[in-house]
Amino acid sequence: DVVSLTVREYGLVPLLSVYDGFTE
C-alpha cells in the first residue's frame, strides 16, 4: 500500500500495483 501510494505521488504509473489495504 505505502509503496503503491508513494510511487503514484511521484507521478509514476506502475505496470501493476498489488495492495491489500493494510500496512503492518
PDB file of all heavy atoms in Angstrom:
ATOM      1  N   ASP A   1       0.808  -1.221   0.000  1.00  0.00           N
ATOM      2  CA  ASP A   1       0.000   0.000   0.000  1.00  0.00           C
ATOM      3  C   ASP A   1       0.840   1.269   0.000  1.00  0.00           C
ATOM      4  O   ASP A   1       0.619   2.166  -0.826  1.00  0.00           O
ATOM      5  CB  ASP A   1      -0.923  -0.003   1.222  1.00  0.00           C
ATOM      6  CG  ASP A   1      -1.937  -1.112   1.159  1.00  0.00           C
ATOM      7  OD1 ASP A   1      -1.553  -2.303   1.243  1.00  0.00           O
ATOM      8  OD2 ASP A   1      -3.120  -0.808   1.017  1.00  0.00           O
ATOM      9  N   VAL A   2       1.772   1.376   0.935  1.00  0.00           N
ATOM     10  CA  VAL A   2       2.563   2.599   1.054  1.00  0.00           C
ATOM     11  C   VAL A   2       3.414   2.801  -0.193  1.00  0.00           C
ATOM     12  O   VAL A   2       3.489   3.907  -0.737  1.00  0.00           O
ATOM     13  CB  VAL A   2       3.441   2.565   2.332  1.00  0.00           C
ATOM     14  CG1 VAL A   2       4.365   3.763   2.387  1.00  0.00           C
ATOM     15  CG2 VAL A   2       2.565   2.524   3.579  1.00  0.00           C
ATOM     16  N   VAL A   3       4.037   1.746  -0.668  1.00  0.00           N
ATOM     17  CA  VAL A   3       4.865   1.829  -1.872  1.00  0.00           C
ATOM     18  C   VAL A   3       4.020   2.254  -3.068  1.00  0.00           C
ATOM     19  O   VAL A   3       4.417   3.131  -3.843  1.00  0.00           O
ATOM     20  CB  VAL A   3       5.556   0.476  -2.147  1.00  0.00           C
ATOM     21  CG1 VAL A   3       6.195   0.448  -3.514  1.00  0.00           C
ATOM     22  CG2 VAL A   3       6.582   0.187  -1.078  1.00  0.00           C
ATOM     23  N   SER A   4       2.852   1.644  -3.233  1.00  0.00           N
ATOM     24  CA  SER A   4       1.990   1.975  -4.372  1.00  0.00           C
ATOM     25  C   SER A   4       1.568   3.439  -4.331  1.00  0.00           C
ATOM     26  O   SER A   4       1.559   4.121  -5.360  1.00  0.00           O
ATOM     27  CB  SER A   4       0.762   1.065  -4.384  1.00  0.00           C
ATOM     28  OG  SER A   4       1.154  -0.280  -4.587  1.00  0.00           O
ATOM     29  N   LEU A   5       1.244   3.936  -3.150  1.00  0.00           N
ATOM     30  CA  LEU A   5       0.860   5.341  -2.989  1.00  0.00           C
ATOM     31  C   LEU A   5       2.055   6.255  -3.255  1.00  0.00           C
ATOM     32  O   LEU A   5       1.944   7.246  -3.985  1.00  0.00           O
ATOM     33  CB  LEU A   5       0.297   5.575  -1.590  1.00  0.00           C
ATOM     34  CG  LEU A   5      -0.198   6.986  -1.282  1.00  0.00           C
ATOM     35  CD1 LEU A   5      -1.336   7.387  -2.213  1.00  0.00           C
ATOM     36  CD2 LEU A   5      -0.647   7.081   0.180  1.00  0.00           C
ATOM     37  N   THR A   6       3.208   5.930  -2.693  1.00  0.00           N
ATOM     38  CA  THR A   6       4.407   6.755  -2.853  1.00  0.00           C
ATOM     39  C   THR A   6       4.804   6.868  -4.321  1.00  0.00           C
ATOM     40  O   THR A   6       5.099   7.962  -4.812  1.00  0.00           O
ATOM     41  CB  THR A   6       5.577   6.176  -2.029  1.00  0.00           C
ATOM     42  OG1 THR A   6       5.188   6.136  -0.651  1.00  0.00           O
ATOM     43  CG2 THR A   6       6.826   7.017  -2.181  1.00  0.00           C
ATOM     44  N   VAL A   7       4.796   5.764  -5.029  1.00  0.00           N
ATOM     45  CA  VAL A   7       5.176   5.769  -6.443  1.00  0.00           C
ATOM     46  C   VAL A   7       4.206   6.640  -7.243  1.00  0.00           C
ATOM     47  O   VAL A   7       4.622   7.446  -8.089  1.00  0.00           O
ATOM     48  CB  VAL A   7       5.252   4.328  -6.984  1.00  0.00           C
ATOM     49  CG1 VAL A   7       5.315   4.308  -8.506  1.00  0.00           C
ATOM     50  CG2 VAL A   7       6.464   3.616  -6.390  1.00  0.00           C
ATOM     51  N   ARG A   8       2.921   6.543  -6.960  1.00  0.00           N
ATOM     52  CA  ARG A   8       1.931   7.384  -7.649  1.00  0.00           C
ATOM     53  C   ARG A   8       2.133   8.856  -7.319  1.00  0.00           C
ATOM     54  O   ARG A   8       1.953   9.728  -8.171  1.00  0.00           O
ATOM     55  CB  ARG A   8       0.510   6.957  -7.268  1.00  0.00           C
ATOM     56  CG  ARG A   8       0.071   5.628  -7.843  1.00  0.00           C
ATOM     57  CD  ARG A   8      -0.328   5.757  -9.283  1.00  0.00           C
ATOM     58  NE  ARG A   8      -0.800   4.468  -9.788  1.00  0.00           N
ATOM     59  CZ  ARG A   8      -1.645   4.348 -10.776  1.00  0.00           C
ATOM     60  NH1 ARG A   8      -2.140   5.401 -11.362  1.00  0.00           N
ATOM     61  NH2 ARG A   8      -2.002   3.153 -11.187  1.00  0.00           N
ATOM     62  N   GLU A   9       2.496   9.154  -6.072  1.00  0.00           N
ATOM     63  CA  GLU A   9       2.739  10.547  -5.676  1.00  0.00           C
ATOM     64  C   GLU A   9       3.923  11.150  -6.424  1.00  0.00           C
ATOM     65  O   GLU A   9       4.010  12.357  -6.576  1.00  0.00           O
ATOM     66  CB  GLU A   9       2.947  10.646  -4.162  1.00  0.00           C
ATOM     67  CG  GLU A   9       1.659  10.457  -3.387  1.00  0.00           C
ATOM     68  CD  GLU A   9       1.841  10.383  -1.885  1.00  0.00           C
ATOM     69  OE1 GLU A   9       2.981  10.139  -1.408  1.00  0.00           O
ATOM     70  OE2 GLU A   9       0.839  10.575  -1.168  1.00  0.00           O
ATOM     71  N   TYR A  10       4.833  10.321  -6.891  1.00  0.00           N
ATOM     72  CA  TYR A  10       5.957  10.786  -7.708  1.00  0.00           C
ATOM     73  C   TYR A  10       5.572  10.897  -9.178  1.00  0.00           C
ATOM     74  O   TYR A  10       6.423  11.146 -10.024  1.00  0.00           O
ATOM     75  CB  TYR A  10       7.169   9.863  -7.538  1.00  0.00           C
ATOM     76  CG  TYR A  10       8.057  10.288  -6.397  1.00  0.00           C
ATOM     77  CD1 TYR A  10       7.778   9.900  -5.096  1.00  0.00           C
ATOM     78  CD2 TYR A  10       9.163  11.104  -6.609  1.00  0.00           C
ATOM     79  CE1 TYR A  10       8.575  10.297  -4.038  1.00  0.00           C
ATOM     80  CE2 TYR A  10       9.963  11.514  -5.571  1.00  0.00           C
ATOM     81  CZ  TYR A  10       9.667  11.110  -4.293  1.00  0.00           C
ATOM     82  OH  TYR A  10      10.461  11.520  -3.252  1.00  0.00           O
ATOM     83  N   GLY A  11       4.297  10.700  -9.491  1.00  0.00           N
ATOM     84  CA  GLY A  11       3.823  10.854 -10.856  1.00  0.00           C
ATOM     85  C   GLY A  11       4.074   9.655 -11.745  1.00  0.00           C
ATOM     86  O   GLY A  11       3.924   9.739 -12.956  1.00  0.00           O
ATOM     87  N   LEU A  12       4.438   8.528 -11.143  1.00  0.00           N
ATOM     88  CA  LEU A  12       4.697   7.322 -11.920  1.00  0.00           C
ATOM     89  C   LEU A  12       3.456   6.437 -11.945  1.00  0.00           C
ATOM     90  O   LEU A  12       2.750   6.320 -10.947  1.00  0.00           O
ATOM     91  CB  LEU A  12       5.854   6.544 -11.298  1.00  0.00           C
ATOM     92  CG  LEU A  12       7.173   7.310 -11.167  1.00  0.00           C
ATOM     93  CD1 LEU A  12       8.165   6.528 -10.319  1.00  0.00           C
ATOM     94  CD2 LEU A  12       7.757   7.615 -12.533  1.00  0.00           C
ATOM     95  N   VAL A  13       3.193   5.825 -13.088  1.00  0.00           N
ATOM     96  CA  VAL A  13       2.086   4.878 -13.210  1.00  0.00           C
ATOM     97  C   VAL A  13       2.690   3.493 -13.390  1.00  0.00           C
ATOM     98  O   VAL A  13       3.221   3.175 -14.463  1.00  0.00           O
ATOM     99  CB  VAL A  13       1.158   5.221 -14.392  1.00  0.00           C
ATOM    100  CG1 VAL A  13       0.048   4.182 -14.519  1.00  0.00           C
ATOM    101  CG2 VAL A  13       0.586   6.617 -14.233  1.00  0.00           C
ATOM    102  N   PRO A  14       2.648   2.673 -12.338  1.00  0.00           N
ATOM    103  CA  PRO A  14       3.218   1.329 -12.453  1.00  0.00           C
ATOM    104  C   PRO A  14       2.468   0.477 -13.466  1.00  0.00           C
ATOM    105  O   PRO A  14       1.279   0.690 -13.722  1.00  0.00           O
ATOM    106  CB  PRO A  14       3.042   0.747 -11.048  1.00  0.00           C
ATOM    107  CG  PRO A  14       2.815   1.920 -10.155  1.00  0.00           C
ATOM    108  CD  PRO A  14       2.135   2.951 -11.003  1.00  0.00           C
ATOM    109  N   LEU A  15       3.179  -0.495 -14.015  1.00  0.00           N
ATOM    110  CA  LEU A  15       2.506  -1.500 -14.839  1.00  0.00           C
ATOM    111  C   LEU A  15       1.434  -2.177 -14.005  1.00  0.00           C
ATOM    112  O   LEU A  15       0.327  -2.439 -14.469  1.00  0.00           O
ATOM    113  CB  LEU A  15       3.492  -2.577 -15.299  1.00  0.00           C
ATOM    114  CG  LEU A  15       4.401  -2.287 -16.458  1.00  0.00           C
ATOM    115  CD1 LEU A  15       5.380  -3.430 -16.666  1.00  0.00           C
ATOM    116  CD2 LEU A  15       3.600  -2.040 -17.715  1.00  0.00           C
ATOM    117  N   LEU A  16       1.792  -2.465 -12.742  1.00  0.00           N
ATOM    118  CA  LEU A  16       0.897  -3.182 -11.836  1.00  0.00           C
ATOM    119  C   LEU A  16       1.161  -2.725 -10.412  1.00  0.00           C
ATOM    120  O   LEU A  16       2.307  -2.546 -10.020  1.00  0.00           O
ATOM    121  CB  LEU A  16       1.157  -4.696 -11.938  1.00  0.00           C
ATOM    122  CG  LEU A  16       0.476  -5.597 -10.909  1.00  0.00           C
ATOM    123  CD1 LEU A  16      -1.045  -5.542 -11.046  1.00  0.00           C
ATOM    124  CD2 LEU A  16       0.982  -7.031 -11.045  1.00  0.00           C
ATOM    125  N   SER A  17       0.081  -2.544  -9.662  1.00  0.00           N
ATOM    126  CA  SER A  17       0.166  -2.303  -8.217  1.00  0.00           C
ATOM    127  C   SER A  17      -0.640  -3.385  -7.523  1.00  0.00           C
ATOM    128  O   SER A  17      -1.784  -3.645  -7.891  1.00  0.00           O
ATOM    129  CB  SER A  17      -0.427  -0.936  -7.847  1.00  0.00           C
ATOM    130  OG  SER A  17       0.345   0.103  -8.402  1.00  0.00           O
ATOM    131  N   VAL A  18      -0.022  -4.023  -6.531  1.00  0.00           N
ATOM    132  CA  VAL A  18      -0.683  -5.056  -5.741  1.00  0.00           C
ATOM    133  C   VAL A  18      -0.750  -4.539  -4.318  1.00  0.00           C
ATOM    134  O   VAL A  18       0.275  -4.152  -3.746  1.00  0.00           O
ATOM    135  CB  VAL A  18       0.104  -6.391  -5.778  1.00  0.00           C
ATOM    136  CG1 VAL A  18      -0.637  -7.468  -4.991  1.00  0.00           C
ATOM    137  CG2 VAL A  18       0.351  -6.845  -7.222  1.00  0.00           C
ATOM    138  N   TYR A  19      -1.956  -4.511  -3.746  1.00  0.00           N
ATOM    139  CA  TYR A  19      -2.112  -3.983  -2.389  1.00  0.00           C
ATOM    140  C   TYR A  19      -3.208  -4.733  -1.659  1.00  0.00           C
ATOM    141  O   TYR A  19      -4.015  -5.422  -2.266  1.00  0.00           O
ATOM    142  CB  TYR A  19      -2.391  -2.477  -2.426  1.00  0.00           C
ATOM    143  CG  TYR A  19      -3.825  -2.108  -2.745  1.00  0.00           C
ATOM    144  CD1 TYR A  19      -4.673  -1.648  -1.738  1.00  0.00           C
ATOM    145  CD2 TYR A  19      -4.341  -2.237  -4.029  1.00  0.00           C
ATOM    146  CE1 TYR A  19      -5.987  -1.317  -2.018  1.00  0.00           C
ATOM    147  CE2 TYR A  19      -5.644  -1.905  -4.316  1.00  0.00           C
ATOM    148  CZ  TYR A  19      -6.470  -1.443  -3.306  1.00  0.00           C
ATOM    149  OH  TYR A  19      -7.779  -1.123  -3.568  1.00  0.00           O
ATOM    150  N   ASP A  20      -3.248  -4.576  -0.318  1.00  0.00           N
ATOM    151  CA  ASP A  20      -4.293  -5.241   0.461  1.00  0.00           C
ATOM    152  C   ASP A  20      -5.078  -4.308   1.373  1.00  0.00           C
ATOM    153  O   ASP A  20      -5.978  -4.748   2.086  1.00  0.00           O
ATOM    154  CB  ASP A  20      -3.714  -6.417   1.265  1.00  0.00           C
ATOM    155  CG  ASP A  20      -2.718  -6.003   2.336  1.00  0.00           C
ATOM    156  OD1 ASP A  20      -2.518  -4.786   2.563  1.00  0.00           O
ATOM    157  OD2 ASP A  20      -2.127  -6.902   2.953  1.00  0.00           O
ATOM    158  N   GLY A  21      -4.755  -3.026   1.382  1.00  0.00           N
ATOM    159  CA  GLY A  21      -5.489  -2.076   2.226  1.00  0.00           C
ATOM    160  C   GLY A  21      -4.956  -1.993   3.644  1.00  0.00           C
ATOM    161  O   GLY A  21      -5.542  -1.322   4.483  1.00  0.00           O
ATOM    162  N   PHE A  22      -3.840  -2.662   3.921  1.00  0.00           N
ATOM    163  CA  PHE A  22      -3.255  -2.656   5.263  1.00  0.00           C
ATOM    164  C   PHE A  22      -1.758  -2.428   5.151  1.00  0.00           C
ATOM    165  O   PHE A  22      -1.141  -2.760   4.140  1.00  0.00           O
ATOM    166  CB  PHE A  22      -3.481  -4.005   5.972  1.00  0.00           C
ATOM    167  CG  PHE A  22      -4.906  -4.254   6.340  1.00  0.00           C
ATOM    168  CD1 PHE A  22      -5.793  -4.774   5.400  1.00  0.00           C
ATOM    169  CD2 PHE A  22      -5.371  -3.974   7.612  1.00  0.00           C
ATOM    170  CE1 PHE A  22      -7.111  -5.007   5.725  1.00  0.00           C
ATOM    171  CE2 PHE A  22      -6.687  -4.212   7.951  1.00  0.00           C
ATOM    172  CZ  PHE A  22      -7.569  -4.726   7.008  1.00  0.00           C
ATOM    173  N   THR A  23      -1.190  -1.881   6.217  1.00  0.00           N
ATOM    174  CA  THR A  23       0.263  -1.818   6.324  1.00  0.00           C
ATOM    175  C   THR A  23       0.637  -2.139   7.758  1.00  0.00           C
ATOM    176  O   THR A  23       0.013  -1.627   8.689  1.00  0.00           O
ATOM    177  CB  THR A  23       0.828  -0.450   5.889  1.00  0.00           C
ATOM    178  OG1 THR A  23       2.242  -0.544   5.827  1.00  0.00           O
ATOM    179  CG2 THR A  23       0.445   0.670   6.814  1.00  0.00           C
ATOM    180  N   GLU A  24       1.590  -3.031   7.914  1.00  0.00           N
ATOM    181  CA  GLU A  24       1.991  -3.507   9.231  1.00  0.00           C
ATOM    182  C   GLU A  24       0.761  -3.896  10.065  1.00  0.00           C
ATOM    183  O   GLU A  24       0.642  -3.555  11.225  1.00  0.00           O
ATOM    184  CB  GLU A  24       2.852  -2.470   9.942  1.00  0.00           C
ATOM    185  CG  GLU A  24       4.168  -2.236   9.226  1.00  0.00           C
ATOM    186  CD  GLU A  24       5.073  -1.254   9.928  1.00  0.00           C
ATOM    187  OE1 GLU A  24       4.921  -1.070  11.139  1.00  0.00           O
ATOM    188  OE2 GLU A  24       5.932  -0.681   9.245  1.00  0.00           O
TER     189      GLU A  24
END
